[in-house]
Amino acid sequence: MAVAGASGAGLTAVGAASARPPRPTATYVNPLIQQRADPHITRHTDGRYYFTGTAPEYDRIVLRRADTLQGLGTASESVIWRRHSSGEMGAHIWAPELHHVDGAWHVYFAAGRADDVWAIRIYVLRNASSDPFTGQWTELGRIDTGWDSFSLDATTFEHSGTRYLCWAQSNPEHDNNSSIWLAAMDSPSSITGTAVELSVPEYDWETIGYRVNEGPYALQRNGRVFLTYSASATDANYCVGLLTAADESDLLNPDSWSKSPRPVFATSEQNRQYGPGHNCFTVSEDGTEDVLVYHARQYRDISGDPLNDPNRHTRIQTLGWHDDGTPDLGVPVPDGATTGEDA
């Protein structure tokens, strides 16, 4: 894998650079949703926004829907699925994502076993109804990634006619907790071919507390595919890294990807935002601006295991673009009403 910007001068663009768009101006009020970590927001073809995220009890999957991003904060919340009382999918219900694939709704999520809460693997739910709040959610089971080890944070995206699954999984060949993996899909619930490892924790900022790369998400702009991911322990050290590949490259070749040597989104002491991460992207209501969705805490000090602290709140802010065409995530904005100019 090539390392972008190793000289410290910033991210190295892959492919042709584009003119710098104006700084974003949309206004949002944070935190958007209290005590919902690992947030995922998608705008469907009906024009409405759909939200899901990790509940701090780790026991269920929830959905919200609203006509506006800000409206998600006060939208009613429905429970569409609960953990099993025994066996698989019985503990640690983490990081659900809602995707509409092949004419049906799918939720990708991670779960442990009731008798082994850390035996965490990736699972899929499916609902053929046009409305994910109605109809029947069916368990499609576990996604076979090629081997049996700790795995989580699955996301999916389509590029150049191929659908991909991207996720985090431990690799026994490395002394780390999780790496970023990519594979082509032959159905919404299965991969085809051999998965490839795109990123392992290697920099100091990726290895604080735990050696972690997790929570990947794709953004396709300016002739490139960007993959953000989160690194380090889930306390104030949690931050976001960036992988970049050219549109025309083979995404399943690790050498197609460059990696930023520094985090692109991290704790802001000035704005009192700590441990921002596990992000996704959506678009503004008028469709003209990209919006960053993430979670963060309002304080640094945590008593006990950070995973037992419920106050990772969902937050949103518009993002900008560097002159070289790479995303400018800025810094996590302070609480209250803010625009992209504040980032």
C-alpha atoms as a PDB file:
ATOM      1  CA  MET A   1       0.000   0.000   0.000  1.00  0.00           C
ATOM      2  CA  ALA A   2       1.284   3.465  -0.867  1.00  0.00           C
ATOM      3  CA  VAL A   3       1.406   6.031   1.932  1.00  0.00           C
ATOM      4  CA  ALA A   4      -0.008   9.407   0.968  1.00  0.00           C
ATOM      5  CA  GLY A   5       1.623  12.609   2.121  1.00  0.00           C
ATOM      6  CA  ALA A   6       4.493  10.882   3.932  1.00  0.00           C
ATOM      7  CA  SER A   7       6.495  14.114   3.829  1.00  0.00           C
ATOM      8  CA  GLY A   8       3.957  15.703   6.173  1.00  0.00           C
ATOM      9  CA  ALA A   9       2.754  18.143   3.546  1.00  0.00           C
ATOM     10  CA  GLY A  10      -0.768  16.726   3.542  1.00  0.00           C
ATOM     11  CA  LEU A  11      -2.713  14.136   1.615  1.00  0.00           C
ATOM     12  CA  THR A  12      -1.417  13.218  -1.789  1.00  0.00           C
ATOM     13  CA  ALA A  13      -4.195  13.266  -4.373  1.00  0.00           C
ATOM     14  CA  VAL A  14      -4.752  10.190  -6.503  1.00  0.00           C
ATOM     15  CA  GLY A  15      -6.031  11.090  -9.965  1.00  0.00           C
ATOM     16  CA  ALA A  16      -6.907  14.523 -11.298  1.00  0.00           C
ATOM     17  CA  ALA A  17      -7.507  17.323  -8.818  1.00  0.00           C
ATOM     18  CA  SER A  18     -10.664  19.389  -9.049  1.00  0.00           C
ATOM     19  CA  ALA A  19     -11.386  23.042  -8.362  1.00  0.00           C
ATOM     20  CA  ARG A  20     -12.070  23.780  -4.718  1.00  0.00           C
ATOM     21  CA  PRO A  21     -15.788  24.140  -4.015  1.00  0.00           C
ATOM     22  CA  PRO A  22     -16.960  26.862  -1.632  1.00  0.00           C
ATOM     23  CA  ARG A  23     -17.009  26.069   2.074  1.00  0.00           C
ATOM     24  CA  PRO A  24     -20.291  24.457   3.172  1.00  0.00           C
ATOM     25  CA  THR A  25     -22.938  26.638   4.768  1.00  0.00           C
ATOM     26  CA  ALA A  26     -25.768  24.350   5.952  1.00  0.00           C
ATOM     27  CA  THR A  27     -26.711  24.869   9.611  1.00  0.00           C
ATOM     28  CA  TYR A  28     -27.319  22.000  12.040  1.00  0.00           C
ATOM     29  CA  VAL A  29     -27.672  21.748  15.823  1.00  0.00           C
ATOM     30  CA  ASN A  30     -25.567  19.190  17.701  1.00  0.00           C
ATOM     31  CA  PRO A  31     -25.794  16.779  19.311  1.00  0.00           C
ATOM     32  CA  LEU A  32     -28.385  15.438  16.897  1.00  0.00           C
ATOM     33  CA  ILE A  33     -29.367  12.271  18.805  1.00  0.00           C
ATOM     34  CA  GLN A  34     -28.362  11.508  22.379  1.00  0.00           C
ATOM     35  CA  GLN A  35     -26.777   8.161  23.280  1.00  0.00           C
ATOM     36  CA  ARG A  36     -26.657   6.694  19.798  1.00  0.00           C
ATOM     37  CA  ALA A  37     -23.177   5.609  18.748  1.00  0.00           C
ATOM     38  CA  ASP A  38     -21.929   4.281  15.395  1.00  0.00           C
ATOM     39  CA  PRO A  39     -24.586   6.315  13.559  1.00  0.00           C
ATOM     40  CA  HIS A  40     -25.728   5.544  10.050  1.00  0.00           C
ATOM     41  CA  ILE A  41     -27.923   7.932   8.042  1.00  0.00           C
ATOM     42  CA  THR A  42     -29.008   7.245   4.485  1.00  0.00           C
ATOM     43  CA  ARG A  43     -31.202   9.319   2.198  1.00  0.00           C
ATOM     44  CA  HIS A  44     -33.545   7.073   0.258  1.00  0.00           C
ATOM     45  CA  THR A  45     -35.124   7.662  -3.144  1.00  0.00           C
ATOM     46  CA  ASP A  46     -38.275   8.887  -1.355  1.00  0.00           C
ATOM     47  CA  GLY A  47     -36.249  11.933  -0.271  1.00  0.00           C
ATOM     48  CA  ARG A  48     -36.414  11.053   3.407  1.00  0.00           C
ATOM     49  CA  TYR A  49     -33.556  10.356   5.806  1.00  0.00           C
ATOM     50  CA  TYR A  50     -33.304   7.031   7.635  1.00  0.00           C
ATOM     51  CA  PHE A  51     -31.242   6.611  10.799  1.00  0.00           C
ATOM     52  CA  THR A  52     -29.953   3.684  12.804  1.00  0.00           C
ATOM     53  CA  GLY A  53     -27.173   3.366  15.364  1.00  0.00           C
ATOM     54  CA  THR A  54     -25.901   1.469  18.363  1.00  0.00           C
ATOM     55  CA  ALA A  55     -28.076   1.666  21.489  1.00  0.00           C
ATOM     56  CA  PRO A  56     -25.971   1.736  24.690  1.00  0.00           C
ATOM     57  CA  GLU A  57     -27.750  -1.359  26.009  1.00  0.00           C
ATOM     58  CA  TYR A  58     -26.405  -3.285  22.983  1.00  0.00           C
ATOM     59  CA  ASP A  59     -29.648  -5.244  22.789  1.00  0.00           C
ATOM     60  CA  ARG A  60     -31.671  -4.028  19.790  1.00  0.00           C
ATOM     61  CA  ILE A  61     -31.739  -2.392  16.363  1.00  0.00           C
ATOM     62  CA  VAL A  62     -33.663   0.857  16.002  1.00  0.00           C
ATOM     63  CA  LEU A  63     -34.820   3.004  13.092  1.00  0.00           C
ATOM     64  CA  ARG A  64     -35.865   6.641  12.731  1.00  0.00           C
ATOM     65  CA  ARG A  65     -37.101   8.545   9.702  1.00  0.00           C
ATOM     66  CA  ALA A  66     -37.534  12.248   8.940  1.00  0.00           C
ATOM     67  CA  ASP A  67     -37.855  14.662   6.032  1.00  0.00           C
ATOM     68  CA  THR A  68     -34.787  16.596   7.225  1.00  0.00           C
ATOM     69  CA  LEU A  69     -31.547  15.704   8.909  1.00  0.00           C
ATOM     70  CA  GLN A  70     -32.347  17.864  11.926  1.00  0.00           C
ATOM     71  CA  GLY A  71     -35.758  16.226  12.132  1.00  0.00           C
ATOM     72  CA  LEU A  72     -34.135  12.901  12.967  1.00  0.00           C
ATOM     73  CA  GLY A  73     -33.356  14.287  16.406  1.00  0.00           C
ATOM     74  CA  THR A  74     -37.026  14.415  17.390  1.00  0.00           C
ATOM     75  CA  ALA A  75     -38.360  11.630  15.159  1.00  0.00           C
ATOM     76  CA  SER A  76     -40.040   8.666  16.805  1.00  0.00           C
ATOM     77  CA  GLU A  77     -37.875   5.589  17.100  1.00  0.00           C
ATOM     78  CA  SER A  78     -38.980   2.046  16.260  1.00  0.00           C
ATOM     79  CA  VAL A  79     -37.363  -1.197  17.384  1.00  0.00           C
ATOM     80  CA  ILE A  80     -37.200  -3.502  14.362  1.00  0.00           C
ATOM     81  CA  TRP A  81     -35.254  -6.376  15.932  1.00  0.00           C
ATOM     82  CA  ARG A  82     -34.032  -7.548  19.357  1.00  0.00           C
ATOM     83  CA  ARG A  83     -31.140  -9.777  20.333  1.00  0.00           C
ATOM     84  CA  HIS A  84     -31.657 -13.483  20.873  1.00  0.00           C
ATOM     85  CA  SER A  85     -32.055 -14.819  24.384  1.00  0.00           C
ATOM     86  CA  SER A  86     -29.473 -17.537  23.727  1.00  0.00           C
ATOM     87  CA  GLY A  87     -26.820 -18.545  21.216  1.00  0.00           C
ATOM     88  CA  GLU A  88     -25.829 -16.471  18.205  1.00  0.00           C
ATOM     89  CA  MET A  89     -26.872 -12.823  17.993  1.00  0.00           C
ATOM     90  CA  GLY A  90     -27.445 -12.853  21.759  1.00  0.00           C
ATOM     91  CA  ALA A  91     -25.078 -10.040  22.875  1.00  0.00           C
ATOM     92  CA  HIS A  92     -23.235  -6.883  21.813  1.00  0.00           C
ATOM     93  CA  ILE A  93     -25.568  -5.742  19.042  1.00  0.00           C
ATOM     94  CA  TRP A  94     -23.307  -3.182  17.413  1.00  0.00           C
ATOM     95  CA  ALA A  95     -23.069  -0.746  14.517  1.00  0.00           C
ATOM     96  CA  PRO A  96     -26.144  -1.462  12.359  1.00  0.00           C
ATOM     97  CA  GLU A  97     -26.260   0.045   8.870  1.00  0.00           C
ATOM     98  CA  LEU A  98     -29.398   0.284   6.731  1.00  0.00           C
ATOM     99  CA  HIS A  99     -28.950  -0.195   2.977  1.00  0.00           C
ATOM    100  CA  HIS A 100     -31.428  -0.657   0.141  1.00  0.00           C
ATOM    101  CA  VAL A 101     -29.914  -3.349  -2.095  1.00  0.00           C
ATOM    102  CA  ASP A 102     -31.496  -5.293  -4.968  1.00  0.00           C
ATOM    103  CA  GLY A 103     -34.955  -3.901  -4.256  1.00  0.00           C
ATOM    104  CA  ALA A 104     -35.025  -4.741  -0.551  1.00  0.00           C
ATOM    105  CA  TRP A 105     -33.897  -3.216   2.731  1.00  0.00           C
ATOM    106  CA  HIS A 106     -30.926  -4.824   4.484  1.00  0.00           C
ATOM    107  CA  VAL A 107     -29.416  -4.157   7.896  1.00  0.00           C
ATOM    108  CA  TYR A 108     -25.779  -5.172   8.388  1.00  0.00           C
ATOM    109  CA  PHE A 109     -24.746  -5.438  12.044  1.00  0.00           C
ATOM    110  CA  ALA A 110     -22.361  -7.133  14.443  1.00  0.00           C
ATOM    111  CA  ALA A 111     -23.340  -9.430  17.301  1.00  0.00           C
ATOM    112  CA  GLY A 112     -21.768 -11.700  19.877  1.00  0.00           C
ATOM    113  CA  ARG A 113     -23.116 -14.890  21.389  1.00  0.00           C
ATOM    114  CA  ALA A 114     -25.153 -14.960  24.577  1.00  0.00           C
ATOM    115  CA  ASP A 115     -22.656 -17.518  25.941  1.00  0.00           C
ATOM    116  CA  ASP A 116     -19.579 -15.753  24.500  1.00  0.00           C
ATOM    117  CA  VAL A 117     -20.185 -12.021  24.158  1.00  0.00           C
ATOM    118  CA  TRP A 118     -16.841 -11.389  22.411  1.00  0.00           C
ATOM    119  CA  ALA A 119     -17.433 -13.969  19.675  1.00  0.00           C
ATOM    120  CA  ILE A 120     -18.546 -11.063  17.499  1.00  0.00           C
ATOM    121  CA  ARG A 121     -19.411 -11.695  13.855  1.00  0.00           C
ATOM    122  CA  ILE A 122     -21.317  -9.940  11.017  1.00  0.00           C
ATOM    123  CA  TYR A 123     -24.996 -10.649  10.337  1.00  0.00           C
ATOM    124  CA  VAL A 124     -27.700  -9.439   7.942  1.00  0.00           C
ATOM    125  CA  LEU A 125     -31.430  -8.753   8.188  1.00  0.00           C
ATOM    126  CA  ARG A 126     -33.691  -8.330   5.142  1.00  0.00           C
ATOM    127  CA  ASN A 127     -37.078  -6.680   4.632  1.00  0.00           C
ATOM    128  CA  ALA A 128     -38.734  -6.844   1.186  1.00  0.00           C
ATOM    129  CA  SER A 129     -41.303  -4.173   2.063  1.00  0.00           C
ATOM    130  CA  SER A 130     -40.909  -0.781   0.424  1.00  0.00           C
ATOM    131  CA  ASP A 131     -41.261   0.689   3.921  1.00  0.00           C
ATOM    132  CA  PRO A 132     -38.645  -0.626   6.407  1.00  0.00           C
ATOM    133  CA  PHE A 133     -40.957   0.264   9.305  1.00  0.00           C
ATOM    134  CA  THR A 134     -43.478  -2.297   8.081  1.00  0.00           C
ATOM    135  CA  GLY A 135     -43.191  -5.783   6.649  1.00  0.00           C
ATOM    136  CA  GLN A 136     -41.153  -8.657   8.069  1.00  0.00           C
ATOM    137  CA  TRP A 137     -37.486  -8.494   8.958  1.00  0.00           C
ATOM    138  CA  THR A 138     -35.920 -11.858   8.157  1.00  0.00           C
ATOM    139  CA  GLU A 139     -32.592 -13.056   9.523  1.00  0.00           C
ATOM    140  CA  LEU A 140     -30.315 -13.999   6.620  1.00  0.00           C
ATOM    141  CA  GLY A 141     -27.664 -15.186   9.041  1.00  0.00           C
ATOM    142  CA  ARG A 142     -23.960 -14.616   9.298  1.00  0.00           C
ATOM    143  CA  ILE A 143     -21.759 -13.412   6.447  1.00  0.00           C
ATOM    144  CA  ASP A 144     -18.929 -15.840   5.797  1.00  0.00           C
ATOM    145  CA  THR A 145     -15.831 -13.678   5.316  1.00  0.00           C
ATOM    146  CA  GLY A 146     -13.538 -16.616   4.637  1.00  0.00           C
ATOM    147  CA  TRP A 147     -12.442 -17.437   8.140  1.00  0.00           C
ATOM    148  CA  ASP A 148     -13.756 -17.400  11.674  1.00  0.00           C
ATOM    149  CA  SER A 149     -12.486 -14.514  13.819  1.00  0.00           C
ATOM    150  CA  PHE A 150     -13.643 -11.324  15.517  1.00  0.00           C
ATOM    151  CA  SER A 151     -15.384  -9.228  12.824  1.00  0.00           C
ATOM    152  CA  LEU A 152     -17.686  -6.226  12.814  1.00  0.00           C
ATOM    153  CA  ASP A 153     -18.678  -2.888  11.232  1.00  0.00           C
ATOM    154  CA  ALA A 154     -19.774  -4.112   7.814  1.00  0.00           C
ATOM    155  CA  THR A 155     -20.730  -1.560   5.171  1.00  0.00           C
ATOM    156  CA  THR A 156     -21.545  -1.966   1.483  1.00  0.00           C
ATOM    157  CA  PHE A 157     -21.183   0.207  -1.609  1.00  0.00           C
ATOM    158  CA  GLU A 158     -21.344  -0.153  -5.372  1.00  0.00           C
ATOM    159  CA  HIS A 159     -18.595   1.017  -7.703  1.00  0.00           C
ATOM    160  CA  SER A 160     -18.260   0.528 -11.473  1.00  0.00           C
ATOM    161  CA  GLY A 161     -20.941  -2.148 -11.537  1.00  0.00           C
ATOM    162  CA  THR A 162     -19.576  -4.204  -8.634  1.00  0.00           C
ATOM    163  CA  ARG A 163     -21.007  -4.283  -5.134  1.00  0.00           C
ATOM    164  CA  TYR A 164     -18.473  -4.507  -2.332  1.00  0.00           C
ATOM    165  CA  LEU A 165     -18.536  -5.404   1.338  1.00  0.00           C
ATOM    166  CA  CYS A 166     -16.062  -3.574   3.556  1.00  0.00           C
ATOM    167  CA  TRP A 167     -15.585  -4.448   7.221  1.00  0.00           C
ATOM    168  CA  ALA A 168     -13.181  -4.820  10.156  1.00  0.00           C
ATOM    169  CA  GLN A 169     -11.761  -8.188  11.217  1.00  0.00           C
ATOM    170  CA  SER A 170      -8.905  -9.490  13.314  1.00  0.00           C
ATOM    171  CA  ASN A 171      -6.092 -11.205  11.432  1.00  0.00           C
ATOM    172  CA  PRO A 172      -4.141 -13.809  13.431  1.00  0.00           C
ATOM    173  CA  GLU A 173      -1.097 -13.009  11.313  1.00  0.00           C
ATOM    174  CA  HIS A 174      -0.929  -9.548  12.895  1.00  0.00           C
ATOM    175  CA  ASP A 175      -0.682  -8.447  16.502  1.00  0.00           C
ATOM    176  CA  ASN A 176      -3.735  -6.213  16.271  1.00  0.00           C
ATOM    177  CA  ASN A 177      -7.404  -6.165  17.140  1.00  0.00           C
ATOM    178  CA  SER A 178      -8.824  -5.453  13.679  1.00  0.00           C
ATOM    179  CA  SER A 179      -7.887  -4.470  10.129  1.00  0.00           C
ATOM    180  CA  ILE A 180      -9.951  -3.107   7.227  1.00  0.00           C
ATOM    181  CA  TRP A 181     -11.017  -5.717   4.637  1.00  0.00           C
ATOM    182  CA  LEU A 182     -12.737  -5.544   1.255  1.00  0.00           C
ATOM    183  CA  ALA A 183     -14.433  -8.151  -0.939  1.00  0.00           C
ATOM    184  CA  ALA A 184     -16.785  -8.268  -3.910  1.00  0.00           C
ATOM    185  CA  MET A 185     -20.337  -9.461  -3.233  1.00  0.00           C
ATOM    186  CA  ASP A 186     -22.419 -11.949  -5.217  1.00  0.00           C
ATOM    187  CA  SER A 187     -25.567 -11.315  -3.171  1.00  0.00           C
ATOM    188  CA  PRO A 188     -26.603  -8.844  -0.464  1.00  0.00           C
ATOM    189  CA  SER A 189     -25.597 -11.413   2.155  1.00  0.00           C
ATOM    190  CA  SER A 190     -22.487 -13.088   0.734  1.00  0.00           C
ATOM    191  CA  ILE A 191     -19.076 -12.278  -0.688  1.00  0.00           C
ATOM    192  CA  THR A 192     -17.314 -13.880  -3.618  1.00  0.00           C
ATOM    193  CA  GLY A 193     -13.623 -14.451  -4.175  1.00  0.00           C
ATOM    194  CA  THR A 194     -10.919 -13.790  -1.606  1.00  0.00           C
ATOM    195  CA  ALA A 195     -11.128 -10.852   0.774  1.00  0.00           C
ATOM    196  CA  VAL A 196      -8.177  -8.451   0.759  1.00  0.00           C
ATOM    197  CA  GLU A 197      -6.695  -6.568   3.683  1.00  0.00           C
ATOM    198  CA  LEU A 198      -6.520  -2.846   2.910  1.00  0.00           C
ATOM    199  CA  SER A 199      -5.253  -1.333   6.147  1.00  0.00           C
ATOM    200  CA  VAL A 200      -3.666  -2.494   9.390  1.00  0.00           C
ATOM    201  CA  PRO A 201      -3.019  -0.329  12.485  1.00  0.00           C
ATOM    202  CA  GLU A 202       0.534   0.915  12.070  1.00  0.00           C
ATOM    203  CA  TYR A 203       0.790   4.566  13.108  1.00  0.00           C
ATOM    204  CA  ASP A 204       0.935   5.715  16.726  1.00  0.00           C
ATOM    205  CA  TRP A 205      -2.531   7.294  16.459  1.00  0.00           C
ATOM    206  CA  GLU A 206      -3.985   3.951  15.302  1.00  0.00           C
ATOM    207  CA  THR A 207      -2.642   1.957  18.242  1.00  0.00           C
ATOM    208  CA  ILE A 208      -3.550   3.862  21.411  1.00  0.00           C
ATOM    209  CA  GLY A 209      -5.222   1.509  23.876  1.00  0.00           C
ATOM    210  CA  TYR A 210      -5.920  -1.021  21.144  1.00  0.00           C
ATOM    211  CA  ARG A 211      -4.474  -1.678  17.706  1.00  0.00           C
ATOM    212  CA  VAL A 212      -7.644  -0.917  15.780  1.00  0.00           C
ATOM    213  CA  ASN A 213      -8.830  -0.066  12.283  1.00  0.00           C
ATOM    214  CA  GLU A 214     -12.642  -0.330  12.155  1.00  0.00           C
ATOM    215  CA  GLY A 215     -15.864   1.370  11.059  1.00  0.00           C
ATOM    216  CA  PRO A 216     -15.055   1.858   7.335  1.00  0.00           C
ATOM    217  CA  TYR A 217     -17.314   3.925   5.073  1.00  0.00           C
ATOM    218  CA  ALA A 218     -17.060   4.848   1.391  1.00  0.00           C
ATOM    219  CA  LEU A 219     -17.382   8.262  -0.260  1.00  0.00           C
ATOM    220  CA  GLN A 220     -17.050   8.460  -4.056  1.00  0.00           C
ATOM    221  CA  ARG A 221     -16.146  11.894  -5.381  1.00  0.00           C
ATOM    222  CA  ASN A 222     -13.696  13.673  -7.698  1.00  0.00           C
ATOM    223  CA  GLY A 223     -12.595  10.567  -9.590  1.00  0.00           C
ATOM    224  CA  ARG A 224     -11.670   8.682  -6.434  1.00  0.00           C
ATOM    225  CA  VAL A 225     -13.003   6.272  -3.870  1.00  0.00           C
ATOM    226  CA  PHE A 226     -12.367   7.402  -0.309  1.00  0.00           C
ATOM    227  CA  LEU A 227     -12.657   5.035   2.640  1.00  0.00           C
ATOM    228  CA  THR A 228     -12.737   6.585   6.073  1.00  0.00           C
ATOM    229  CA  TYR A 229     -12.168   4.363   9.096  1.00  0.00           C
ATOM    230  CA  SER A 230     -11.758   4.741  12.856  1.00  0.00           C
ATOM    231  CA  ALA A 231      -8.709   3.926  14.941  1.00  0.00           C
ATOM    232  CA  SER A 232      -7.524   3.331  18.530  1.00  0.00           C
ATOM    233  CA  ALA A 233      -9.583   2.800  21.683  1.00  0.00           C
ATOM    234  CA  THR A 234     -13.139   4.168  21.919  1.00  0.00           C
ATOM    235  CA  ASP A 235     -12.173   6.947  24.351  1.00  0.00           C
ATOM    236  CA  ALA A 236     -10.824  10.422  23.535  1.00  0.00           C
ATOM    237  CA  ASN A 237      -8.123   8.799  21.395  1.00  0.00           C
ATOM    238  CA  TYR A 238     -10.662   7.524  18.869  1.00  0.00           C
ATOM    239  CA  CYS A 239     -10.168   9.253  15.501  1.00  0.00           C
ATOM    240  CA  VAL A 240     -10.724   8.910  11.762  1.00  0.00           C
ATOM    241  CA  GLY A 241      -8.210   7.870   9.098  1.00  0.00           C
ATOM    242  CA  LEU A 242      -8.474   7.929   5.305  1.00  0.00           C
ATOM    243  CA  LEU A 243      -7.726   5.545   2.437  1.00  0.00           C
ATOM    244  CA  THR A 244      -7.861   6.710  -1.186  1.00  0.00           C
ATOM    245  CA  ALA A 245      -8.030   4.879  -4.518  1.00  0.00           C
ATOM    246  CA  ALA A 246      -8.499   6.075  -8.092  1.00  0.00           C
ATOM    247  CA  ASP A 247     -11.859   5.349  -9.722  1.00  0.00           C
ATOM    248  CA  GLU A 248     -10.299   3.316 -12.497  1.00  0.00           C
ATOM    249  CA  SER A 249      -8.066   1.237 -10.212  1.00  0.00           C
ATOM    250  CA  ASP A 250      -8.649  -2.330  -9.037  1.00  0.00           C
ATOM    251  CA  LEU A 251     -10.151  -1.784  -5.604  1.00  0.00           C
ATOM    252  CA  LEU A 252      -9.292  -5.367  -4.646  1.00  0.00           C
ATOM    253  CA  ASN A 253      -5.587  -4.666  -5.124  1.00  0.00           C
ATOM    254  CA  PRO A 254      -4.195  -3.251  -1.847  1.00  0.00           C
ATOM    255  CA  ASP A 255      -1.586  -1.342  -3.855  1.00  0.00           C
ATOM    256  CA  SER A 256      -4.401   0.742  -5.374  1.00  0.00           C
ATOM    257  CA  TRP A 257      -4.956   2.414  -2.013  1.00  0.00           C
ATOM    258  CA  SER A 258      -2.984   5.230  -0.401  1.00  0.00           C
ATOM    259  CA  LYS A 259      -3.218   5.916   3.318  1.00  0.00           C
ATOM    260  CA  SER A 260      -2.995   9.198   5.153  1.00  0.00           C
ATOM    261  CA  PRO A 261      -0.187   9.137   7.735  1.00  0.00           C
ATOM    262  CA  ARG A 262      -2.241  11.337  10.056  1.00  0.00           C
ATOM    263  CA  PRO A 263      -5.838  11.266  11.257  1.00  0.00           C
ATOM    264  CA  VAL A 264      -8.225  13.410   9.213  1.00  0.00           C
ATOM    265  CA  PHE A 265     -10.715  13.937  12.083  1.00  0.00           C
ATOM    266  CA  ALA A 266      -9.872  13.855  15.781  1.00  0.00           C
ATOM    267  CA  THR A 267     -10.633  15.204  19.268  1.00  0.00           C
ATOM    268  CA  SER A 268     -11.042  18.973  19.587  1.00  0.00           C
ATOM    269  CA  GLU A 269     -10.201  20.227  23.053  1.00  0.00           C
ATOM    270  CA  GLN A 270     -11.233  23.747  22.050  1.00  0.00           C
ATOM    271  CA  ASN A 271     -14.704  22.592  20.990  1.00  0.00           C
ATOM    272  CA  ARG A 272     -14.994  20.029  23.805  1.00  0.00           C
ATOM    273  CA  GLN A 273     -15.600  17.138  21.434  1.00  0.00           C
ATOM    274  CA  TYR A 274     -13.828  13.901  22.324  1.00  0.00           C
ATOM    275  CA  GLY A 275     -13.256  10.680  20.426  1.00  0.00           C
ATOM    276  CA  PRO A 276     -15.089  11.478  17.179  1.00  0.00           C
ATOM    277  CA  GLY A 277     -15.425   8.499  14.912  1.00  0.00           C
ATOM    278  CA  HIS A 278     -17.359   5.657  13.344  1.00  0.00           C
ATOM    279  CA  ASN A 279     -18.583   8.018  10.679  1.00  0.00           C
ATOM    280  CA  CYS A 280     -20.681   7.774   7.552  1.00  0.00           C
ATOM    281  CA  PHE A 281     -21.671  10.309   4.897  1.00  0.00           C
ATOM    282  CA  THR A 282     -24.953  11.614   3.569  1.00  0.00           C
ATOM    283  CA  VAL A 283     -26.081  14.714   1.652  1.00  0.00           C
ATOM    284  CA  SER A 284     -27.776  17.967   2.613  1.00  0.00           C
ATOM    285  CA  GLU A 285     -31.468  18.529   2.037  1.00  0.00           C
ATOM    286  CA  ASP A 286     -30.887  20.445  -1.204  1.00  0.00           C
ATOM    287  CA  GLY A 287     -28.412  17.809  -2.398  1.00  0.00           C
ATOM    288  CA  THR A 288     -25.574  20.284  -2.872  1.00  0.00           C
ATOM    289  CA  GLU A 289     -23.386  19.509   0.144  1.00  0.00           C
ATOM    290  CA  ASP A 290     -21.860  16.405   1.660  1.00  0.00           C
ATOM    291  CA  VAL A 291     -22.606  15.827   5.329  1.00  0.00           C
ATOM    292  CA  LEU A 292     -20.395  14.006   7.809  1.00  0.00           C
ATOM    293  CA  VAL A 293     -22.199  11.840  10.384  1.00  0.00           C
ATOM    294  CA  TYR A 294     -20.279  10.621  13.450  1.00  0.00           C
ATOM    295  CA  HIS A 295     -20.405  10.132  17.200  1.00  0.00           C
ATOM    296  CA  ALA A 296     -18.426  11.900  19.935  1.00  0.00           C
ATOM    297  CA  ARG A 297     -18.525  12.535  23.666  1.00  0.00           C
ATOM    298  CA  GLN A 298     -18.682  15.909  25.412  1.00  0.00           C
ATOM    299  CA  TYR A 299     -15.965  15.052  27.961  1.00  0.00           C
ATOM    300  CA  ARG A 300     -12.554  13.387  28.036  1.00  0.00           C
ATOM    301  CA  ASP A 301     -12.513  11.534  31.359  1.00  0.00           C
ATOM    302  CA  ILE A 302     -14.413   8.246  31.496  1.00  0.00           C
ATOM    303  CA  SER A 303     -14.914   6.044  34.540  1.00  0.00           C
ATOM    304  CA  GLY A 304     -14.318   2.378  33.716  1.00  0.00           C
ATOM    305  CA  ASP A 305     -14.566   0.754  30.297  1.00  0.00           C
ATOM    306  CA  PRO A 306     -15.449   3.330  27.606  1.00  0.00           C
ATOM    307  CA  LEU A 307     -17.865   0.794  26.099  1.00  0.00           C
ATOM    308  CA  ASN A 308     -19.928   1.062  29.276  1.00  0.00           C
ATOM    309  CA  ASP A 309     -20.201   4.834  28.956  1.00  0.00           C
ATOM    310  CA  PRO A 310     -23.460   5.572  27.073  1.00  0.00           C
ATOM    311  CA  ASN A 311     -22.762   9.157  26.028  1.00  0.00           C
ATOM    312  CA  ARG A 312     -21.459   8.789  22.509  1.00  0.00           C
ATOM    313  CA  HIS A 313     -23.945  11.102  20.786  1.00  0.00           C
ATOM    314  CA  THR A 314     -24.769  11.246  17.077  1.00  0.00           C
ATOM    315  CA  ARG A 315     -23.515  14.442  15.423  1.00  0.00           C
ATOM    316  CA  ILE A 316     -23.577  15.901  11.906  1.00  0.00           C
ATOM    317  CA  GLN A 317     -21.748  18.666  10.068  1.00  0.00           C
ATOM    318  CA  THR A 318     -21.129  19.621   6.470  1.00  0.00           C
ATOM    319  CA  LEU A 319     -17.669  18.954   5.092  1.00  0.00           C
ATOM    320  CA  GLY A 320     -15.438  20.753   2.651  1.00  0.00           C
ATOM    321  CA  TRP A 321     -12.855  19.753   0.069  1.00  0.00           C
ATOM    322  CA  HIS A 322      -9.134  20.393  -0.189  1.00  0.00           C
ATOM    323  CA  ASP A 323      -7.659  21.910  -3.340  1.00  0.00           C
ATOM    324  CA  ASP A 324      -6.410  18.459  -4.365  1.00  0.00           C
ATOM    325  CA  GLY A 325      -9.948  17.034  -4.341  1.00  0.00           C
ATOM    326  CA  THR A 326      -9.655  15.111  -1.063  1.00  0.00           C
ATOM    327  CA  PRO A 327     -12.285  15.557   1.661  1.00  0.00           C
ATOM    328  CA  ASP A 328     -11.720  18.202   4.328  1.00  0.00           C
ATOM    329  CA  LEU A 329     -13.523  16.884   7.401  1.00  0.00           C
ATOM    330  CA  GLY A 330     -12.354  19.819   9.496  1.00  0.00           C
ATOM    331  CA  VAL A 331     -12.748  19.460  13.265  1.00  0.00           C
ATOM    332  CA  PRO A 332     -15.770  18.303  15.274  1.00  0.00           C
ATOM    333  CA  VAL A 333     -17.916  21.377  15.766  1.00  0.00           C
ATOM    334  CA  PRO A 334     -19.027  22.576  19.230  1.00  0.00           C
ATOM    335  CA  ASP A 335     -22.437  21.912  20.651  1.00  0.00           C
ATOM    336  CA  GLY A 336     -25.237  24.140  19.454  1.00  0.00           C
ATOM    337  CA  ALA A 337     -26.066  25.568  16.042  1.00  0.00           C
ATOM    338  CA  THR A 338     -23.090  25.488  13.678  1.00  0.00           C
ATOM    339  CA  THR A 339     -22.421  25.667   9.944  1.00  0.00           C
ATOM    340  CA  GLY A 340     -19.646  24.219   7.826  1.00  0.00           C
ATOM    341  CA  GLU A 341     -17.812  27.501   8.292  1.00  0.00           C
ATOM    342  CA  ASP A 342     -17.299  26.556  11.948  1.00  0.00           C
ATOM    343  CA  ALA A 343     -15.585  23.269  11.112  1.00  0.00           C
END
